Amino acid sequence: MTNNEHNNTEVAWVIKNSGEREPFSVKKLRRSLVRSGADEETIQMVVDHITPELKNGMTTSAIYKHAFDILEKKTFPVAVRYSLRKAVMDLGPSGFPFEKFVAEVLKKKGFHTQTGVVLSGFCVSHEVDILMEKDERHVFAECKFHNQQGIKSDVKIALYVYARFLDLQKGHDVKDGDEPKIHEGWLITNTKLTSDAIAYAQCTGLTVIGWDYPEQGNLQDLIIETGVHPLTFLSTLTAQEKTDLLEQGIVMCRSIRDNDTPLRTLGFPEERIEKVIQEIGKVCPL
């Protein structure tokens, strides 16, 4: 730790998105940069830029933006990874845009997807977040969205998803109907999973996908692999503009690239549209 890191982190209290105060942690900043793929030289450069400027009452959002600006100039791919988690959280506060976004990611993985489908179980009917089909196998996914870091999906969620899966399977086996047989149930969340949730999933065979679980094929990996980025990533849009577009059902960068009509509807002049399209080209190249 450098002298700047030591001197500033002892006194700096930051404000989280939830409004809570906590002491600034260089360790957390370093960990987030490591997860984004930054090398040690880049990590130290970011830390050396940020720590001298720390002040009590700074928001974590302001610190994040500062770190992103530095990364964007140094190494854009790392900047994209660094900002991805926040961009997905910004799809809220409701979970519907997240469900639609995950469905698009899964579609890129070769699944045929539908959202908000009602299926008959043995005991009750279930509205599933995503119904997907691939190789004549049908899977339903429950999407658990949180718009704050630090919240984990616990074992109760895993129990709930598995119970729905069992009811849907039994309903298909016992009742006559045209609905597809559900072969698997998945739990997909944009945050972490508790150790009990993971243990239960491993015991029952339930597929669970968190932000960084499993080690390979987690949600972050799937987003980067498929190139399906949320429009909330774009720095050329204001928070209100992002909200307006989400309310129109637009959740992906590429949707705007393919059709800029929604931007024109919001009154964007040509030069601003061009800046948005240019940023999308950097994030989501063809």
Protein backbone atom coordinates (compact mmCIF):
# COMPACT_ATOMS: atom_id res chain seq x y z
CA MET A 1 0.00 0.00 0.00
CA THR A 2 1.40 3.43 -0.92
CA ASN A 3 1.47 6.38 1.46
CA ASN A 4 -1.45 7.97 -0.40
CA GLU A 5 -3.52 4.81 0.01
CA HIS A 6 -2.70 4.61 3.72
CA ASN A 7 -3.33 8.27 4.51
CA ASN A 8 -6.61 8.65 2.65
CA THR A 9 -8.30 5.34 3.39
CA GLU A 10 -7.94 5.90 7.16
CA VAL A 11 -10.26 8.93 7.11
CA ALA A 12 -12.43 8.61 4.02
CA TRP A 13 -16.05 7.60 4.52
CA VAL A 14 -18.08 6.96 1.38
CA ILE A 15 -21.81 6.80 0.72
CA LYS A 16 -23.12 3.59 -0.85
CA ASN A 17 -26.05 3.52 -3.29
CA SER A 18 -28.26 2.39 -0.41
CA GLY A 19 -27.40 5.59 1.50
CA GLU A 20 -25.27 3.76 4.06
CA ARG A 21 -21.88 5.10 5.11
CA GLU A 22 -18.82 2.89 5.13
CA PRO A 23 -15.05 3.43 5.18
CA PHE A 24 -13.50 3.39 1.74
CA SER A 25 -11.70 0.11 1.05
CA VAL A 26 -8.74 -0.05 -1.28
CA LYS A 27 -9.00 -3.83 -1.01
CA LYS A 28 -12.52 -3.78 -2.49
CA LEU A 29 -11.43 -1.45 -5.28
CA ARG A 30 -8.48 -3.68 -6.10
CA ARG A 31 -10.68 -6.80 -6.02
CA SER A 32 -13.18 -5.29 -8.47
CA LEU A 33 -10.35 -4.32 -10.81
CA VAL A 34 -8.83 -7.81 -10.65
CA ARG A 35 -12.23 -9.34 -11.51
CA SER A 36 -12.38 -7.02 -14.51
CA GLY A 37 -9.11 -8.39 -15.85
CA ALA A 38 -6.88 -5.41 -15.06
CA ASP A 39 -3.19 -6.11 -14.65
CA GLU A 40 -1.24 -4.94 -11.58
CA GLU A 41 0.16 -1.86 -13.35
CA THR A 42 -3.34 -0.70 -14.32
CA ILE A 43 -4.73 -1.45 -10.85
CA GLN A 44 -2.00 0.60 -9.18
CA MET A 45 -2.54 3.45 -11.63
CA VAL A 46 -6.27 3.59 -10.78
CA VAL A 47 -5.59 3.41 -7.03
CA ASP A 48 -2.92 6.14 -7.26
CA HIS A 49 -5.33 8.44 -9.11
CA ILE A 50 -8.31 7.89 -6.80
CA THR A 51 -6.89 7.76 -3.28
CA PRO A 52 -5.46 11.33 -3.18
CA GLU A 53 -8.88 12.70 -4.16
CA LEU A 54 -10.94 10.84 -1.56
CA LYS A 55 -13.14 13.00 0.65
CA ASN A 56 -15.61 12.12 3.35
CA GLY A 57 -19.10 11.88 1.86
CA MET A 58 -18.04 10.91 -1.65
CA THR A 59 -20.47 8.49 -3.26
CA THR A 60 -19.39 5.07 -4.45
CA SER A 61 -20.95 6.02 -7.81
CA ALA A 62 -18.55 8.95 -8.15
CA ILE A 63 -15.58 6.74 -7.28
CA TYR A 64 -16.77 4.11 -9.77
CA LYS A 65 -17.10 6.73 -12.53
CA HIS A 66 -13.62 8.04 -11.84
CA ALA A 67 -12.18 4.53 -12.03
CA PHE A 68 -14.09 3.84 -15.24
CA ASP A 69 -12.84 7.05 -16.88
CA ILE A 70 -9.25 6.03 -16.12
CA LEU A 71 -9.76 2.49 -17.41
CA GLU A 72 -11.51 3.69 -20.56
CA LYS A 73 -8.42 5.68 -21.55
CA LYS A 74 -6.00 2.90 -20.59
CA THR A 75 -7.75 -0.31 -21.70
CA PHE A 76 -11.32 -0.24 -23.01
CA PRO A 77 -12.07 -4.01 -22.72
CA VAL A 78 -11.26 -3.88 -19.00
CA ALA A 79 -13.41 -0.76 -18.65
CA VAL A 80 -16.34 -2.64 -20.18
CA ARG A 81 -15.95 -5.53 -17.74
CA TYR A 82 -15.54 -3.15 -14.82
CA SER A 83 -18.76 -1.29 -15.60
CA LEU A 84 -20.84 -4.30 -16.57
CA ARG A 85 -22.13 -5.24 -13.11
CA LYS A 86 -23.34 -1.73 -12.36
CA ALA A 87 -24.96 -1.51 -15.78
CA VAL A 88 -26.95 -4.71 -15.11
CA MET A 89 -28.01 -3.40 -11.68
CA ASP A 90 -29.19 -0.20 -13.35
CA LEU A 91 -31.75 -2.24 -15.30
CA GLY A 92 -33.95 -1.96 -12.16
CA PRO A 93 -35.70 -1.15 -9.97
CA SER A 94 -38.21 -3.70 -11.31
CA GLY A 95 -37.03 -7.11 -12.43
CA PHE A 96 -38.79 -7.16 -15.81
CA PRO A 97 -36.02 -5.50 -17.88
CA PHE A 98 -33.56 -7.97 -16.31
CA GLU A 99 -35.73 -10.92 -17.34
CA LYS A 100 -35.92 -9.61 -20.89
CA PHE A 101 -32.18 -8.97 -20.96
CA VAL A 102 -31.34 -12.49 -19.69
CA ALA A 103 -33.71 -13.95 -22.31
CA GLU A 104 -31.71 -12.16 -25.02
CA VAL A 105 -28.43 -13.50 -23.60
CA LEU A 106 -29.84 -17.05 -23.61
CA LYS A 107 -31.15 -16.57 -27.14
CA LYS A 108 -27.57 -15.85 -28.22
CA LYS A 109 -26.61 -19.18 -26.60
CA GLY A 110 -28.94 -20.98 -28.98
CA PHE A 111 -32.15 -21.16 -26.94
CA HIS A 112 -35.59 -20.24 -28.19
CA THR A 113 -36.91 -18.02 -25.41
CA GLN A 114 -40.24 -16.60 -24.22
CA THR A 115 -40.88 -14.41 -21.19
CA GLY A 116 -43.87 -14.35 -18.84
CA VAL A 117 -45.29 -17.73 -19.87
CA VAL A 118 -47.97 -19.39 -17.70
CA LEU A 119 -47.61 -23.17 -17.31
CA SER A 120 -49.87 -25.65 -15.53
CA GLY A 121 -48.42 -27.56 -12.61
CA PHE A 122 -49.97 -30.44 -10.70
CA CYS A 123 -51.13 -28.22 -7.82
CA VAL A 124 -51.18 -24.68 -9.28
CA SER A 125 -50.31 -22.72 -12.39
CA HIS A 126 -46.96 -20.96 -12.60
CA GLU A 127 -45.97 -17.81 -14.48
CA VAL A 128 -42.32 -18.42 -15.30
CA ASP A 129 -39.91 -15.59 -16.02
CA ILE A 130 -38.32 -17.33 -19.02
CA LEU A 131 -39.29 -20.49 -20.88
CA MET A 132 -36.55 -21.72 -23.16
CA GLU A 133 -36.16 -24.63 -25.55
CA LYS A 134 -33.10 -26.20 -27.13
CA ASP A 135 -32.60 -29.66 -28.61
CA GLU A 136 -36.19 -30.62 -27.69
CA ARG A 137 -35.53 -29.92 -24.01
CA HIS A 138 -37.54 -27.28 -22.17
CA VAL A 139 -36.16 -25.25 -19.29
CA PHE A 140 -37.75 -22.56 -17.18
CA ALA A 141 -35.66 -19.88 -15.51
CA GLU A 142 -36.51 -17.83 -12.46
CA CYS A 143 -34.67 -14.50 -12.62
CA LYS A 144 -33.86 -12.92 -9.26
CA PHE A 145 -32.89 -9.29 -9.66
CA HIS A 146 -31.33 -7.02 -7.05
CA ASN A 147 -30.43 -3.38 -7.70
CA GLN A 148 -27.95 -3.15 -4.83
CA GLN A 149 -24.68 -4.93 -4.26
CA GLY A 150 -24.27 -6.95 -1.10
CA ILE A 151 -27.64 -8.72 -1.38
CA LYS A 152 -27.41 -12.46 -1.99
CA SER A 153 -29.95 -14.96 -3.30
CA ASP A 154 -30.38 -17.42 -0.45
CA VAL A 155 -31.47 -21.03 -0.10
CA LYS A 156 -35.16 -20.05 0.15
CA ILE A 157 -35.01 -18.89 -3.47
CA ALA A 158 -33.39 -22.15 -4.57
CA LEU A 159 -36.02 -24.15 -2.63
CA TYR A 160 -38.78 -22.13 -4.30
CA VAL A 161 -37.43 -22.69 -7.82
CA TYR A 162 -36.95 -26.42 -7.28
CA ALA A 163 -40.46 -26.80 -5.81
CA ARG A 164 -41.92 -25.10 -8.89
CA PHE A 165 -39.90 -27.43 -11.12
CA LEU A 166 -41.27 -30.51 -9.32
CA ASP A 167 -44.85 -29.25 -9.55
CA LEU A 168 -44.49 -28.50 -13.27
CA GLN A 169 -42.98 -31.91 -13.97
CA LYS A 170 -45.69 -33.75 -12.02
CA GLY A 171 -48.39 -31.69 -13.69
CA HIS A 172 -47.12 -32.72 -17.11
CA ASP A 173 -46.78 -36.38 -16.16
CA VAL A 174 -50.25 -36.67 -14.61
CA LYS A 175 -52.39 -34.34 -16.71
CA ASP A 176 -53.11 -34.49 -20.40
CA GLY A 177 -52.28 -31.26 -22.21
CA ASP A 178 -50.33 -29.60 -24.95
CA GLU A 179 -47.81 -27.87 -22.73
CA PRO A 180 -44.17 -28.94 -23.01
CA LYS A 181 -42.54 -31.13 -20.41
CA ILE A 182 -40.14 -29.11 -18.28
CA HIS A 183 -36.81 -30.89 -18.09
CA GLU A 184 -34.95 -28.41 -15.89
CA GLY A 185 -35.44 -25.39 -13.66
CA TRP A 186 -32.78 -22.67 -13.44
CA LEU A 187 -32.18 -19.83 -11.00
CA ILE A 188 -30.40 -16.84 -12.52
CA THR A 189 -29.42 -13.82 -10.43
CA ASN A 190 -27.35 -10.70 -11.02
CA THR A 191 -25.79 -10.90 -7.54
CA LYS A 192 -24.14 -13.61 -5.50
CA LEU A 193 -25.58 -16.80 -4.02
CA THR A 194 -25.26 -17.93 -0.42
CA SER A 195 -23.24 -21.06 0.30
CA ASP A 196 -26.45 -22.86 1.36
CA ALA A 197 -28.15 -21.97 -1.94
CA ILE A 198 -25.18 -23.38 -3.86
CA ALA A 199 -25.04 -26.51 -1.69
CA TYR A 200 -28.77 -27.15 -2.16
CA ALA A 201 -28.52 -26.64 -5.91
CA GLN A 202 -25.60 -29.06 -6.15
CA CYS A 203 -27.51 -31.63 -4.09
CA THR A 204 -30.70 -31.45 -6.17
CA GLY A 205 -29.16 -30.83 -9.58
CA LEU A 206 -30.73 -27.37 -9.87
CA THR A 207 -28.79 -25.09 -12.21
CA VAL A 208 -27.92 -21.79 -10.54
CA ILE A 209 -26.16 -18.92 -12.28
CA GLY A 210 -24.99 -15.91 -10.30
CA TRP A 211 -22.86 -12.94 -11.20
CA ASP A 212 -19.66 -14.86 -10.51
CA TYR A 213 -20.94 -18.42 -10.03
CA PRO A 214 -20.09 -20.96 -11.34
CA GLU A 215 -16.44 -20.19 -11.96
CA GLN A 216 -17.01 -20.63 -15.70
CA GLY A 217 -20.34 -19.88 -17.36
CA ASN A 218 -21.47 -17.32 -14.78
CA LEU A 219 -23.67 -14.38 -15.76
CA GLN A 220 -20.74 -12.03 -16.34
CA ASP A 221 -19.10 -14.63 -18.61
CA LEU A 222 -22.33 -15.18 -20.55
CA ILE A 223 -22.82 -11.45 -21.19
CA ILE A 224 -19.24 -10.96 -22.39
CA GLU A 225 -19.27 -14.16 -24.46
CA THR A 226 -22.54 -13.31 -26.25
CA GLY A 227 -21.87 -9.59 -26.60
CA VAL A 228 -25.38 -8.76 -25.37
CA HIS A 229 -24.78 -5.59 -23.37
CA PRO A 230 -27.47 -3.64 -21.51
CA LEU A 231 -28.25 -0.13 -22.75
CA THR A 232 -27.64 1.06 -19.18
CA PHE A 233 -23.93 0.69 -19.93
CA LEU A 234 -23.98 3.72 -22.22
CA SER A 235 -22.41 6.87 -20.76
CA THR A 236 -23.82 8.95 -23.63
CA LEU A 237 -27.33 8.53 -22.17
CA THR A 238 -28.58 10.23 -19.00
CA ALA A 239 -30.21 8.21 -16.21
CA GLN A 240 -33.63 9.55 -17.20
CA GLU A 241 -33.10 8.69 -20.87
CA LYS A 242 -32.15 5.15 -19.91
CA THR A 243 -35.32 4.90 -17.80
CA ASP A 244 -37.42 6.19 -20.70
CA LEU A 245 -35.96 3.59 -23.05
CA LEU A 246 -36.38 0.76 -20.53
CA GLU A 247 -40.03 1.73 -20.16
CA GLN A 248 -40.34 1.28 -23.93
CA GLY A 249 -39.06 -2.29 -23.52
CA ILE A 250 -35.60 -1.55 -24.92
CA VAL A 251 -32.90 -3.25 -22.84
CA MET A 252 -29.97 -3.86 -25.21
CA CYS A 253 -27.38 -1.59 -26.79
CA ARG A 254 -27.76 -3.31 -30.13
CA SER A 255 -31.50 -2.52 -30.28
CA ILE A 256 -30.66 1.17 -30.54
CA ARG A 257 -27.87 0.48 -33.02
CA ASP A 258 -30.30 -1.44 -35.23
CA ASN A 259 -33.08 1.15 -34.92
CA ASP A 260 -32.48 4.71 -33.67
CA THR A 261 -36.19 5.67 -33.84
CA PRO A 262 -36.59 5.56 -30.01
CA LEU A 263 -33.81 8.17 -29.70
CA ARG A 264 -35.51 10.39 -32.27
CA THR A 265 -38.80 9.97 -30.39
CA LEU A 266 -37.06 11.29 -27.27
CA GLY A 267 -35.95 14.34 -29.25
CA PHE A 268 -32.28 13.48 -29.73
CA PRO A 269 -30.58 15.71 -32.37
CA GLU A 270 -28.48 14.03 -35.06
CA GLU A 271 -25.15 14.78 -33.37
CA ARG A 272 -26.22 13.12 -30.12
CA ILE A 273 -27.57 10.09 -31.97
CA GLU A 274 -24.21 9.78 -33.73
CA LYS A 275 -22.35 9.88 -30.38
CA VAL A 276 -24.60 7.15 -28.92
CA ILE A 277 -24.14 4.95 -32.00
CA GLN A 278 -20.38 5.46 -31.88
CA GLU A 279 -20.25 4.36 -28.23
CA ILE A 280 -22.39 1.31 -29.00
CA GLY A 281 -19.95 0.44 -31.79
CA LYS A 282 -17.12 0.36 -29.26
CA VAL A 283 -19.06 -1.73 -26.72
CA CYS A 284 -20.93 -4.03 -29.09
CA PRO A 285 -18.96 -4.33 -32.32
CA LEU A 286 -20.69 -6.08 -35.22
